[in-house]
Amino acid sequence: MTLDATVFVVDDDQAMRTSLQWLIEATGMTVKTYDSAAAFLKDYYPGRAGCLLLDVRMPGMSGLELQAHLATEGHRLPVIMITGHGDVAMAVRAMKAGAVDFIEKPFHDEDLLRSIRNALEFDEKTRASRLAKAEIVRRLAELTPREHEVMGMVTDGRSNKEIAAALGVSAKTVEAHRARVMEKMRADSLADLVRMALIAAPEGPL
């Protein structure tokens, strides 16, 4: 779990906020509480590690509206929805919109803590994936246009001979381009290069 991860709690019920803060802090996790979505947005800045524990029904901006706002702004903070009686349909909407879990009131402490730990673990993994993707994209930017062509054909499974024919160059020239691609991408094998190409694709893992 990331050491600087924070559990952000947004709930208009002061007693609930206090109870959640005591419960979560007792496990050694860092907690910040807010009485409204507006207060959270005023304090939060993009890129902070952690997860968001969010009440569905609140005055002003609701939990669902805050979740939608964060998604629109490109923030990927994992969201756990807290729902009261009759809010299950809303919670399902929240899950379809990307929430990692929803917890119904009244809840068992261990169920909530387990959900929080899972959300923090998810945040850590996706954060690592985004960093890895950014590094691969940076390496790709160092390739020449011809090296990009060669890499695309190599990762499509085409042989040096086929690539040479397609580009109108010798197989030896293709070998030289291929060697430079492997070096610049820091790929140890063809399988490694293919994996990088898949990660760097627009629809690749984040």
N, C-alpha and C. Protein backbone atom coordinates (compact mmCIF):
# COMPACT_ATOMS: atom_id res chain seq x y z
N MET A 1 0.85 -1.19 0.00
CA MET A 1 0.00 0.00 0.00
C MET A 1 0.89 1.25 0.00
N THR A 2 0.56 2.21 -0.84
CA THR A 2 1.35 3.44 -0.91
C THR A 2 1.34 4.16 0.44
N LEU A 3 2.53 4.57 0.90
CA LEU A 3 2.66 5.18 2.22
C LEU A 3 1.90 6.50 2.33
N ASP A 4 1.83 7.26 1.23
CA ASP A 4 1.17 8.57 1.29
C ASP A 4 -0.29 8.50 0.88
N ALA A 5 -0.86 7.29 0.81
CA ALA A 5 -2.26 7.14 0.42
C ALA A 5 -3.18 7.71 1.49
N THR A 6 -4.25 8.36 1.04
CA THR A 6 -5.22 8.97 1.95
C THR A 6 -6.61 8.45 1.64
N VAL A 7 -7.37 8.17 2.69
CA VAL A 7 -8.78 7.81 2.53
C VAL A 7 -9.58 9.11 2.69
N PHE A 8 -10.18 9.57 1.61
CA PHE A 8 -10.99 10.79 1.63
C PHE A 8 -12.45 10.42 1.90
N VAL A 9 -13.00 10.99 2.96
CA VAL A 9 -14.38 10.69 3.34
C VAL A 9 -15.24 11.93 3.10
N VAL A 10 -16.28 11.79 2.27
CA VAL A 10 -17.20 12.90 1.99
C VAL A 10 -18.60 12.49 2.42
N ASP A 11 -19.09 13.11 3.50
CA ASP A 11 -20.41 12.76 4.04
C ASP A 11 -20.93 13.98 4.81
N ASP A 12 -22.19 14.35 4.60
CA ASP A 12 -22.73 15.53 5.27
C ASP A 12 -23.12 15.26 6.73
N ASP A 13 -23.10 13.99 7.14
CA ASP A 13 -23.45 13.61 8.51
C ASP A 13 -22.19 13.67 9.38
N GLN A 14 -22.14 14.63 10.31
CA GLN A 14 -20.94 14.82 11.12
C GLN A 14 -20.63 13.59 11.98
N ALA A 15 -21.67 12.99 12.56
CA ALA A 15 -21.45 11.81 13.40
C ALA A 15 -20.86 10.67 12.58
N MET A 16 -21.35 10.51 11.36
CA MET A 16 -20.82 9.45 10.49
C MET A 16 -19.38 9.74 10.11
N ARG A 17 -19.07 11.01 9.80
CA ARG A 17 -17.68 11.36 9.45
C ARG A 17 -16.73 11.06 10.60
N THR A 18 -17.14 11.43 11.80
CA THR A 18 -16.29 11.21 12.98
C THR A 18 -16.09 9.71 13.23
N SER A 19 -17.17 8.97 13.12
CA SER A 19 -17.10 7.52 13.33
C SER A 19 -16.18 6.85 12.32
N LEU A 20 -16.32 7.25 11.05
CA LEU A 20 -15.48 6.68 10.00
C LEU A 20 -14.02 7.06 10.21
N GLN A 21 -13.78 8.30 10.62
CA GLN A 21 -12.41 8.74 10.83
C GLN A 21 -11.74 7.92 11.94
N TRP A 22 -12.44 7.72 13.04
CA TRP A 22 -11.87 6.94 14.15
C TRP A 22 -11.60 5.50 13.70
N LEU A 23 -12.57 4.93 13.01
CA LEU A 23 -12.44 3.54 12.57
C LEU A 23 -11.24 3.35 11.64
N ILE A 24 -11.12 4.22 10.66
CA ILE A 24 -10.07 4.07 9.66
C ILE A 24 -8.69 4.41 10.23
N GLU A 25 -8.63 5.47 11.02
CA GLU A 25 -7.35 5.87 11.62
C GLU A 25 -6.84 4.82 12.59
N ALA A 26 -7.73 4.06 13.21
CA ALA A 26 -7.33 3.02 14.16
C ALA A 26 -6.51 1.93 13.48
N THR A 27 -6.64 1.82 12.14
CA THR A 27 -5.87 0.82 11.40
C THR A 27 -4.53 1.38 10.91
N GLY A 28 -4.27 2.66 11.18
CA GLY A 28 -3.02 3.28 10.75
C GLY A 28 -3.10 4.01 9.44
N MET A 29 -4.28 4.04 8.83
CA MET A 29 -4.44 4.74 7.56
C MET A 29 -4.69 6.23 7.78
N THR A 30 -4.30 7.05 6.80
CA THR A 30 -4.51 8.49 6.86
C THR A 30 -5.90 8.82 6.34
N VAL A 31 -6.61 9.69 7.04
CA VAL A 31 -7.99 10.04 6.69
C VAL A 31 -8.15 11.55 6.61
N LYS A 32 -8.92 12.01 5.63
CA LYS A 32 -9.34 13.42 5.57
C LYS A 32 -10.85 13.41 5.34
N THR A 33 -11.57 14.21 6.11
CA THR A 33 -13.03 14.21 6.00
C THR A 33 -13.53 15.56 5.49
N TYR A 34 -14.69 15.50 4.79
CA TYR A 34 -15.31 16.70 4.22
C TYR A 34 -16.82 16.59 4.39
N ASP A 35 -17.47 17.74 4.63
CA ASP A 35 -18.91 17.72 4.84
C ASP A 35 -19.71 17.92 3.55
N SER A 36 -19.01 18.12 2.44
CA SER A 36 -19.71 18.32 1.16
C SER A 36 -18.77 18.03 0.00
N ALA A 37 -19.36 17.82 -1.16
CA ALA A 37 -18.55 17.60 -2.38
C ALA A 37 -17.75 18.86 -2.69
N ALA A 38 -18.36 20.03 -2.47
CA ALA A 38 -17.67 21.28 -2.76
C ALA A 38 -16.42 21.44 -1.90
N ALA A 39 -16.52 21.09 -0.62
CA ALA A 39 -15.37 21.19 0.28
C ALA A 39 -14.24 20.26 -0.17
N PHE A 40 -14.63 19.05 -0.61
CA PHE A 40 -13.62 18.11 -1.10
C PHE A 40 -12.93 18.65 -2.35
N LEU A 41 -13.70 19.15 -3.30
CA LEU A 41 -13.12 19.64 -4.55
C LEU A 41 -12.22 20.85 -4.32
N LYS A 42 -12.54 21.64 -3.32
CA LYS A 42 -11.71 22.81 -3.01
C LYS A 42 -10.34 22.39 -2.49
N ASP A 43 -10.28 21.25 -1.81
CA ASP A 43 -9.04 20.80 -1.17
C ASP A 43 -8.25 19.81 -2.02
N TYR A 44 -8.94 19.02 -2.84
CA TYR A 44 -8.28 17.93 -3.57
C TYR A 44 -7.53 18.44 -4.80
N TYR A 45 -6.37 17.85 -5.03
CA TYR A 45 -5.65 18.14 -6.27
C TYR A 45 -5.34 16.83 -6.98
N PRO A 46 -5.29 16.83 -8.30
CA PRO A 46 -5.12 15.60 -9.08
C PRO A 46 -3.83 14.87 -8.73
N GLY A 47 -3.91 13.56 -8.82
CA GLY A 47 -2.72 12.74 -8.65
C GLY A 47 -2.49 12.23 -7.25
N ARG A 48 -3.29 12.65 -6.28
CA ARG A 48 -3.09 12.18 -4.91
C ARG A 48 -3.47 10.71 -4.80
N ALA A 49 -2.63 9.95 -4.12
CA ALA A 49 -2.87 8.52 -3.94
C ALA A 49 -3.94 8.31 -2.87
N GLY A 50 -4.78 7.31 -3.08
CA GLY A 50 -5.78 7.00 -2.06
C GLY A 50 -7.08 6.50 -2.66
N CYS A 51 -8.17 6.70 -1.90
CA CYS A 51 -9.50 6.34 -2.40
C CYS A 51 -10.51 7.30 -1.79
N LEU A 52 -11.71 7.30 -2.34
CA LEU A 52 -12.76 8.23 -1.94
C LEU A 52 -13.95 7.45 -1.40
N LEU A 53 -14.28 7.69 -0.13
CA LEU A 53 -15.44 7.09 0.51
C LEU A 53 -16.55 8.12 0.45
N LEU A 54 -17.60 7.83 -0.31
CA LEU A 54 -18.53 8.88 -0.74
C LEU A 54 -19.98 8.50 -0.45
N ASP A 55 -20.68 9.38 0.28
CA ASP A 55 -22.10 9.17 0.54
C ASP A 55 -22.89 9.48 -0.72
N VAL A 56 -23.90 8.67 -1.00
CA VAL A 56 -24.69 8.88 -2.22
C VAL A 56 -25.53 10.14 -2.12
N ARG A 57 -26.26 10.28 -1.02
CA ARG A 57 -27.20 11.41 -0.88
C ARG A 57 -26.58 12.50 -0.01
N MET A 58 -26.37 13.68 -0.61
CA MET A 58 -25.86 14.84 0.12
C MET A 58 -26.51 16.10 -0.44
N PRO A 59 -26.68 17.14 0.40
CA PRO A 59 -27.18 18.42 -0.12
C PRO A 59 -26.20 18.99 -1.14
N GLY A 60 -26.71 19.78 -2.07
CA GLY A 60 -25.83 20.33 -3.09
C GLY A 60 -25.45 19.24 -4.09
N MET A 61 -24.16 19.12 -4.38
CA MET A 61 -23.69 18.10 -5.30
C MET A 61 -23.77 16.73 -4.63
N SER A 62 -24.49 15.80 -5.24
CA SER A 62 -24.63 14.46 -4.67
C SER A 62 -23.37 13.64 -4.91
N GLY A 63 -23.33 12.47 -4.28
CA GLY A 63 -22.19 11.59 -4.48
C GLY A 63 -22.05 11.17 -5.93
N LEU A 64 -23.17 10.87 -6.58
CA LEU A 64 -23.12 10.48 -7.99
C LEU A 64 -22.63 11.62 -8.86
N GLU A 65 -23.04 12.83 -8.54
CA GLU A 65 -22.60 14.00 -9.32
C GLU A 65 -21.11 14.26 -9.12
N LEU A 66 -20.63 14.08 -7.89
CA LEU A 66 -19.20 14.25 -7.64
C LEU A 66 -18.40 13.19 -8.39
N GLN A 67 -18.88 11.96 -8.36
CA GLN A 67 -18.21 10.89 -9.10
C GLN A 67 -18.14 11.22 -10.59
N ALA A 68 -19.23 11.69 -11.15
CA ALA A 68 -19.27 12.04 -12.57
C ALA A 68 -18.33 13.20 -12.87
N HIS A 69 -18.29 14.18 -11.98
CA HIS A 69 -17.40 15.33 -12.17
C HIS A 69 -15.94 14.89 -12.19
N LEU A 70 -15.56 14.04 -11.26
CA LEU A 70 -14.17 13.57 -11.20
C LEU A 70 -13.82 12.80 -12.47
N ALA A 71 -14.75 11.98 -12.95
CA ALA A 71 -14.50 11.21 -14.17
C ALA A 71 -14.33 12.14 -15.37
N THR A 72 -15.17 13.16 -15.45
CA THR A 72 -15.08 14.13 -16.55
C THR A 72 -13.74 14.85 -16.55
N GLU A 73 -13.23 15.14 -15.35
CA GLU A 73 -11.95 15.84 -15.21
C GLU A 73 -10.76 14.91 -15.37
N GLY A 74 -11.02 13.60 -15.53
CA GLY A 74 -9.93 12.64 -15.73
C GLY A 74 -9.28 12.15 -14.46
N HIS A 75 -9.90 12.41 -13.29
CA HIS A 75 -9.34 11.92 -12.04
C HIS A 75 -9.71 10.44 -11.86
N ARG A 76 -8.75 9.63 -11.47
CA ARG A 76 -8.98 8.19 -11.38
C ARG A 76 -8.99 7.67 -9.95
N LEU A 77 -9.31 8.53 -9.00
CA LEU A 77 -9.37 8.13 -7.60
C LEU A 77 -10.47 7.08 -7.42
N PRO A 78 -10.13 5.87 -6.90
CA PRO A 78 -11.16 4.84 -6.72
C PRO A 78 -12.25 5.31 -5.76
N VAL A 79 -13.50 5.04 -6.13
CA VAL A 79 -14.65 5.51 -5.34
C VAL A 79 -15.38 4.33 -4.71
N ILE A 80 -15.64 4.44 -3.39
CA ILE A 80 -16.50 3.50 -2.68
C ILE A 80 -17.74 4.29 -2.27
N MET A 81 -18.90 3.84 -2.70
CA MET A 81 -20.14 4.53 -2.36
C MET A 81 -20.72 3.97 -1.05
N ILE A 82 -21.16 4.89 -0.18
CA ILE A 82 -21.88 4.49 1.03
C ILE A 82 -23.36 4.77 0.77
N THR A 83 -24.19 3.75 0.94
CA THR A 83 -25.60 3.91 0.59
C THR A 83 -26.50 3.59 1.77
N GLY A 84 -27.59 4.35 1.87
CA GLY A 84 -28.60 4.07 2.87
C GLY A 84 -29.71 3.23 2.28
N HIS A 85 -30.72 2.96 3.09
CA HIS A 85 -31.86 2.17 2.62
C HIS A 85 -32.51 2.85 1.42
N GLY A 86 -32.76 2.10 0.38
CA GLY A 86 -33.42 2.65 -0.80
C GLY A 86 -32.47 3.26 -1.81
N ASP A 87 -31.16 3.24 -1.51
CA ASP A 87 -30.19 3.84 -2.42
C ASP A 87 -29.47 2.81 -3.30
N VAL A 88 -29.88 1.55 -3.20
CA VAL A 88 -29.15 0.50 -3.91
C VAL A 88 -29.13 0.74 -5.42
N ALA A 89 -30.26 1.18 -5.98
CA ALA A 89 -30.31 1.44 -7.43
C ALA A 89 -29.28 2.51 -7.80
N MET A 90 -29.14 3.52 -6.94
CA MET A 90 -28.14 4.56 -7.18
C MET A 90 -26.73 3.97 -7.10
N ALA A 91 -26.54 3.07 -6.13
CA ALA A 91 -25.23 2.45 -5.98
C ALA A 91 -24.86 1.63 -7.21
N VAL A 92 -25.84 0.95 -7.77
CA VAL A 92 -25.59 0.17 -8.98
C VAL A 92 -25.19 1.10 -10.12
N ARG A 93 -25.87 2.25 -10.20
CA ARG A 93 -25.48 3.25 -11.21
C ARG A 93 -24.04 3.70 -11.00
N ALA A 94 -23.68 3.88 -9.73
CA ALA A 94 -22.32 4.30 -9.40
C ALA A 94 -21.30 3.25 -9.82
N MET A 95 -21.64 1.97 -9.61
CA MET A 95 -20.73 0.89 -10.00
C MET A 95 -20.56 0.88 -11.52
N LYS A 96 -21.65 1.07 -12.24
CA LYS A 96 -21.58 1.09 -13.71
C LYS A 96 -20.77 2.29 -14.20
N ALA A 97 -20.73 3.35 -13.37
CA ALA A 97 -19.97 4.55 -13.74
C ALA A 97 -18.51 4.46 -13.28
N GLY A 98 -18.15 3.31 -12.67
CA GLY A 98 -16.75 3.12 -12.33
C GLY A 98 -16.40 2.98 -10.86
N ALA A 99 -17.39 3.09 -9.96
CA ALA A 99 -17.09 2.90 -8.54
C ALA A 99 -16.57 1.48 -8.31
N VAL A 100 -15.65 1.32 -7.38
CA VAL A 100 -15.06 -0.01 -7.14
C VAL A 100 -15.90 -0.84 -6.18
N ASP A 101 -16.80 -0.19 -5.40
CA ASP A 101 -17.62 -0.95 -4.45
C ASP A 101 -18.71 -0.04 -3.91
N PHE A 102 -19.74 -0.65 -3.31
CA PHE A 102 -20.68 0.14 -2.54
C PHE A 102 -21.01 -0.62 -1.26
N ILE A 103 -21.14 0.15 -0.18
CA ILE A 103 -21.38 -0.40 1.15
C ILE A 103 -22.72 0.11 1.65
N GLU A 104 -23.59 -0.81 2.07
CA GLU A 104 -24.90 -0.42 2.56
C GLU A 104 -24.87 -0.15 4.06
N LYS A 105 -25.56 0.92 4.49
CA LYS A 105 -25.74 1.20 5.91
C LYS A 105 -26.91 0.35 6.45
N PRO A 106 -26.80 -0.14 7.67
CA PRO A 106 -25.61 -0.16 8.54
C PRO A 106 -24.63 -1.22 8.02
N PHE A 107 -23.34 -0.97 8.17
CA PHE A 107 -22.35 -1.90 7.65
C PHE A 107 -21.47 -2.43 8.78
N HIS A 108 -20.83 -3.57 8.51
CA HIS A 108 -19.87 -4.12 9.46
C HIS A 108 -18.53 -3.44 9.23
N ASP A 109 -17.86 -3.10 10.30
CA ASP A 109 -16.59 -2.40 10.20
C ASP A 109 -15.60 -3.13 9.31
N GLU A 110 -15.51 -4.44 9.49
CA GLU A 110 -14.52 -5.21 8.72
C GLU A 110 -14.84 -5.20 7.23
N ASP A 111 -16.13 -5.20 6.88
CA ASP A 111 -16.50 -5.15 5.46
C ASP A 111 -16.04 -3.83 4.85
N LEU A 112 -16.23 -2.75 5.59
CA LEU A 112 -15.82 -1.44 5.08
C LEU A 112 -14.30 -1.36 4.96
N LEU A 113 -13.59 -1.81 5.99
CA LEU A 113 -12.12 -1.76 5.98
C LEU A 113 -11.55 -2.62 4.86
N ARG A 114 -12.18 -3.78 4.63
CA ARG A 114 -11.72 -4.65 3.54
C ARG A 114 -11.91 -3.95 2.19
N SER A 115 -13.04 -3.28 2.02
CA SER A 115 -13.30 -2.55 0.78
C SER A 115 -12.29 -1.44 0.58
N ILE A 116 -11.97 -0.72 1.66
CA ILE A 116 -10.99 0.37 1.57
C ILE A 116 -9.62 -0.17 1.19
N ARG A 117 -9.20 -1.26 1.82
CA ARG A 117 -7.88 -1.84 1.49
C ARG A 117 -7.83 -2.28 0.03
N ASN A 118 -8.93 -2.87 -0.45
CA ASN A 118 -8.98 -3.29 -1.85
C ASN A 118 -8.89 -2.08 -2.79
N ALA A 119 -9.57 -0.99 -2.42
CA ALA A 119 -9.55 0.22 -3.25
C ALA A 119 -8.15 0.83 -3.28
N LEU A 120 -7.47 0.85 -2.13
CA LEU A 120 -6.11 1.39 -2.08
C LEU A 120 -5.14 0.53 -2.89
N GLU A 121 -5.34 -0.78 -2.83
CA GLU A 121 -4.50 -1.69 -3.61
C GLU A 121 -4.74 -1.47 -5.11
N PHE A 122 -6.01 -1.30 -5.47
CA PHE A 122 -6.37 -1.04 -6.87
C PHE A 122 -5.72 0.26 -7.34
N ASP A 123 -5.78 1.30 -6.49
CA ASP A 123 -5.18 2.59 -6.85
C ASP A 123 -3.68 2.45 -7.06
N GLU A 124 -3.03 1.69 -6.19
CA GLU A 124 -1.58 1.52 -6.31
C GLU A 124 -1.21 0.80 -7.60
N LYS A 125 -1.99 -0.24 -7.95
CA LYS A 125 -1.70 -1.00 -9.17
C LYS A 125 -1.94 -0.16 -10.42
N THR A 126 -3.05 0.57 -10.46
CA THR A 126 -3.35 1.37 -11.66
C THR A 126 -2.37 2.53 -11.79
N ARG A 127 -1.95 3.07 -10.65
CA ARG A 127 -0.95 4.16 -10.67
C ARG A 127 0.36 3.64 -11.27
N ALA A 128 0.77 2.43 -10.85
CA ALA A 128 2.00 1.83 -11.38
C ALA A 128 1.87 1.56 -12.88
N SER A 129 0.68 1.11 -13.30
CA SER A 129 0.44 0.83 -14.73
C SER A 129 0.53 2.11 -15.56
N ARG A 130 -0.02 3.22 -15.03
CA ARG A 130 0.04 4.48 -15.76
C ARG A 130 1.48 4.97 -15.91
N LEU A 131 2.28 4.79 -14.85
CA LEU A 131 3.68 5.20 -14.91
C LEU A 131 4.44 4.37 -15.93
N ALA A 132 4.15 3.05 -15.95
CA ALA A 132 4.82 2.16 -16.90
C ALA A 132 4.45 2.54 -18.34
N LYS A 133 3.17 2.85 -18.56
CA LYS A 133 2.73 3.24 -19.90
C LYS A 133 3.39 4.54 -20.33
N ALA A 134 3.48 5.50 -19.41
CA ALA A 134 4.10 6.78 -19.74
C ALA A 134 5.57 6.60 -20.12
N GLU A 135 6.26 5.68 -19.46
CA GLU A 135 7.67 5.43 -19.78
C GLU A 135 7.80 4.80 -21.17
N ILE A 136 6.91 3.87 -21.50
CA ILE A 136 6.95 3.24 -22.82
C ILE A 136 6.66 4.26 -23.92
N VAL A 137 5.69 5.14 -23.69
CA VAL A 137 5.36 6.19 -24.65
C VAL A 137 6.56 7.11 -24.85
N ARG A 138 7.26 7.40 -23.76
CA ARG A 138 8.46 8.25 -23.85
C ARG A 138 9.53 7.59 -24.72
N ARG A 139 9.73 6.28 -24.56
CA ARG A 139 10.71 5.56 -25.38
C ARG A 139 10.28 5.54 -26.85
N LEU A 140 8.99 5.36 -27.08
CA LEU A 140 8.49 5.37 -28.47
C LEU A 140 8.79 6.70 -29.16
N ALA A 141 8.72 7.78 -28.40
CA ALA A 141 8.96 9.10 -28.97
C ALA A 141 10.40 9.26 -29.46
N GLU A 142 11.30 8.40 -28.99
CA GLU A 142 12.70 8.47 -29.40
C GLU A 142 12.96 7.73 -30.71
N LEU A 143 11.99 6.96 -31.19
CA LEU A 143 12.16 6.22 -32.44
C LEU A 143 12.00 7.15 -33.64
N THR A 144 12.74 6.86 -34.69
CA THR A 144 12.57 7.59 -35.95
C THR A 144 11.31 7.08 -36.64
N PRO A 145 10.77 7.82 -37.63
CA PRO A 145 9.59 7.34 -38.36
C PRO A 145 9.80 5.95 -38.96
N ARG A 146 11.00 5.68 -39.50
CA ARG A 146 11.26 4.37 -40.09
C ARG A 146 11.30 3.29 -39.01
N GLU A 147 11.86 3.63 -37.86
CA GLU A 147 11.91 2.65 -36.76
C GLU A 147 10.51 2.34 -36.25
N HIS A 148 9.63 3.36 -36.26
CA HIS A 148 8.23 3.12 -35.91
C HIS A 148 7.60 2.13 -36.88
N GLU A 149 7.86 2.32 -38.17
CA GLU A 149 7.33 1.40 -39.18
C GLU A 149 7.81 -0.01 -38.95
N VAL A 150 9.11 -0.14 -38.73
CA VAL A 150 9.69 -1.47 -38.52
C VAL A 150 9.11 -2.11 -37.26
N MET A 151 9.01 -1.35 -36.18
CA MET A 151 8.45 -1.89 -34.94
C MET A 151 7.02 -2.38 -35.14
N GLY A 152 6.22 -1.57 -35.87
CA GLY A 152 4.84 -1.97 -36.12
C GLY A 152 4.74 -3.28 -36.88
N MET A 153 5.61 -3.45 -37.87
CA MET A 153 5.58 -4.69 -38.66
C MET A 153 6.13 -5.87 -37.86
N VAL A 154 7.17 -5.61 -37.06
CA VAL A 154 7.74 -6.68 -36.23
C VAL A 154 6.70 -7.17 -35.23
N THR A 155 6.02 -6.24 -34.57
CA THR A 155 5.04 -6.65 -33.56
C THR A 155 3.77 -7.21 -34.17
N ASP A 156 3.60 -7.03 -35.48
CA ASP A 156 2.49 -7.68 -36.19
C ASP A 156 2.86 -9.10 -36.60
N GLY A 157 4.12 -9.49 -36.33
CA GLY A 157 4.54 -10.86 -36.61
C GLY A 157 5.17 -11.06 -37.98
N ARG A 158 5.54 -9.98 -38.67
CA ARG A 158 6.14 -10.12 -40.00
C ARG A 158 7.64 -10.36 -39.89
N SER A 159 8.15 -11.17 -40.79
CA SER A 159 9.58 -11.52 -40.78
C SER A 159 10.41 -10.39 -41.36
N ASN A 160 11.73 -10.44 -41.11
CA ASN A 160 12.63 -9.42 -41.67
C ASN A 160 12.51 -9.37 -43.19
N LYS A 161 12.38 -10.54 -43.81
CA LYS A 161 12.28 -10.60 -45.28
C LYS A 161 11.00 -9.91 -45.76
N GLU A 162 9.91 -10.16 -45.07
CA GLU A 162 8.64 -9.54 -45.44
C GLU A 162 8.68 -8.01 -45.24
N ILE A 163 9.31 -7.59 -44.16
CA ILE A 163 9.43 -6.16 -43.88
C ILE A 163 10.31 -5.48 -44.94
N ALA A 164 11.40 -6.16 -45.31
CA ALA A 164 12.31 -5.62 -46.31
C ALA A 164 11.58 -5.42 -47.64
N ALA A 165 10.77 -6.40 -48.03
CA ALA A 165 10.02 -6.31 -49.29
C ALA A 165 9.00 -5.18 -49.24
N ALA A 166 8.34 -5.03 -48.08
CA ALA A 166 7.32 -4.00 -47.94
C ALA A 166 7.93 -2.60 -47.98
N LEU A 167 9.12 -2.45 -47.42
CA LEU A 167 9.76 -1.14 -47.34
C LEU A 167 10.71 -0.85 -48.50
N GLY A 168 11.00 -1.88 -49.29
CA GLY A 168 11.91 -1.70 -50.41
C GLY A 168 13.35 -1.51 -49.99
N VAL A 169 13.74 -2.20 -48.91
CA VAL A 169 15.13 -2.13 -48.43
C VAL A 169 15.65 -3.55 -48.27
N SER A 170 16.93 -3.67 -47.95
CA SER A 170 17.51 -5.00 -47.77
C SER A 170 17.16 -5.56 -46.39
N ALA A 171 17.23 -6.89 -46.27
CA ALA A 171 16.98 -7.55 -44.99
C ALA A 171 18.00 -7.10 -43.95
N LYS A 172 19.20 -6.81 -44.41
CA LYS A 172 20.26 -6.36 -43.49
C LYS A 172 19.90 -5.00 -42.90
N THR A 173 19.32 -4.14 -43.73
CA THR A 173 18.89 -2.82 -43.24
C THR A 173 17.78 -2.98 -42.21
N VAL A 174 16.86 -3.90 -42.49
CA VAL A 174 15.78 -4.16 -41.53
C VAL A 174 16.35 -4.67 -40.22
N GLU A 175 17.34 -5.55 -40.29
CA GLU A 175 17.97 -6.07 -39.08
C GLU A 175 18.57 -4.94 -38.26
N ALA A 176 19.19 -3.98 -38.93
CA ALA A 176 19.81 -2.84 -38.23
C ALA A 176 18.74 -1.98 -37.56
N HIS A 177 17.64 -1.72 -38.29
CA HIS A 177 16.54 -0.94 -37.71
C HIS A 177 15.95 -1.69 -36.51
N ARG A 178 15.77 -2.96 -36.68
CA ARG A 178 15.17 -3.78 -35.62
C ARG A 178 16.04 -3.76 -34.35
N ALA A 179 17.35 -3.85 -34.55
CA ALA A 179 18.28 -3.83 -33.42
C ALA A 179 18.20 -2.49 -32.68
N ARG A 180 18.07 -1.39 -33.45
CA ARG A 180 17.97 -0.08 -32.81
C ARG A 180 16.64 0.07 -32.05
N VAL A 181 15.59 -0.49 -32.62
CA VAL A 181 14.29 -0.45 -31.95
C VAL A 181 14.37 -1.19 -30.61
N MET A 182 14.95 -2.38 -30.63
CA MET A 182 15.08 -3.16 -29.40
C MET A 182 15.90 -2.41 -28.36
N GLU A 183 16.94 -1.73 -28.83
CA GLU A 183 17.82 -0.99 -27.92
C GLU A 183 17.10 0.21 -27.33
N LYS A 184 16.45 1.01 -28.18
CA LYS A 184 15.78 2.22 -27.70
C LYS A 184 14.59 1.89 -26.80
N MET A 185 13.90 0.80 -27.11
CA MET A 185 12.74 0.41 -26.30
C MET A 185 13.15 -0.38 -25.06
N ARG A 186 14.42 -0.75 -25.01
CA ARG A 186 14.94 -1.56 -23.89
C ARG A 186 14.17 -2.87 -23.77
N ALA A 187 13.93 -3.47 -24.91
CA ALA A 187 13.20 -4.74 -24.96
C ALA A 187 14.20 -5.90 -24.96
N ASP A 188 13.94 -6.87 -24.10
CA ASP A 188 14.84 -8.02 -24.00
C ASP A 188 14.50 -9.12 -24.99
N SER A 189 13.31 -9.08 -25.55
CA SER A 189 12.86 -10.12 -26.48
C SER A 189 11.74 -9.58 -27.35
N LEU A 190 11.38 -10.35 -28.36
CA LEU A 190 10.26 -9.96 -29.21
C LEU A 190 8.97 -9.90 -28.39
N ALA A 191 8.81 -10.86 -27.49
CA ALA A 191 7.61 -10.88 -26.64
C ALA A 191 7.53 -9.61 -25.79
N ASP A 192 8.68 -9.17 -25.31
CA ASP A 192 8.74 -7.93 -24.52
C ASP A 192 8.33 -6.73 -25.37
N LEU A 193 8.78 -6.69 -26.61
CA LEU A 193 8.44 -5.59 -27.51
C LEU A 193 6.95 -5.59 -27.83
N VAL A 194 6.38 -6.77 -28.06
CA VAL A 194 4.94 -6.88 -28.33
C VAL A 194 4.14 -6.39 -27.13
N ARG A 195 4.58 -6.78 -25.93
CA ARG A 195 3.89 -6.34 -24.71
C ARG A 195 3.89 -4.82 -24.60
N MET A 196 5.03 -4.21 -24.93
CA MET A 196 5.13 -2.74 -24.87
C MET A 196 4.19 -2.10 -25.88
N ALA A 197 4.12 -2.67 -27.07
CA ALA A 197 3.25 -2.12 -28.11
C ALA A 197 1.78 -2.17 -27.67
N LEU A 198 1.41 -3.26 -27.01
CA LEU A 198 0.04 -3.40 -26.54
C LEU A 198 -0.27 -2.40 -25.43
N ILE A 199 0.67 -2.20 -24.51
CA ILE A 199 0.49 -1.26 -23.41
C ILE A 199 0.38 0.17 -23.93
N ALA A 200 1.19 0.51 -24.94
CA ALA A 200 1.23 1.88 -25.47
C ALA A 200 0.03 2.20 -26.34
N ALA A 201 -0.70 1.20 -26.80
CA ALA A 201 -1.86 1.45 -27.65
C ALA A 201 -2.88 2.30 -26.91
N PRO A 202 -3.64 3.16 -27.62
CA PRO A 202 -4.62 4.04 -26.96
C PRO A 202 -5.57 3.29 -26.05
N GLU A 203 -5.94 2.06 -26.45
CA GLU A 203 -6.88 1.29 -25.64
C GLU A 203 -6.15 0.36 -24.67
N GLY A 204 -4.82 0.51 -24.59
CA GLY A 204 -4.03 -0.34 -23.71
C GLY A 204 -4.31 -0.06 -22.26
N PRO A 205 -3.81 -0.94 -21.35
CA PRO A 205 -4.07 -0.78 -19.93
C PRO A 205 -3.53 0.52 -19.37
N LEU A 206 -4.26 1.11 -18.43
CA LEU A 206 -3.85 2.37 -17.81
C LEU A 206 -3.35 2.12 -16.41
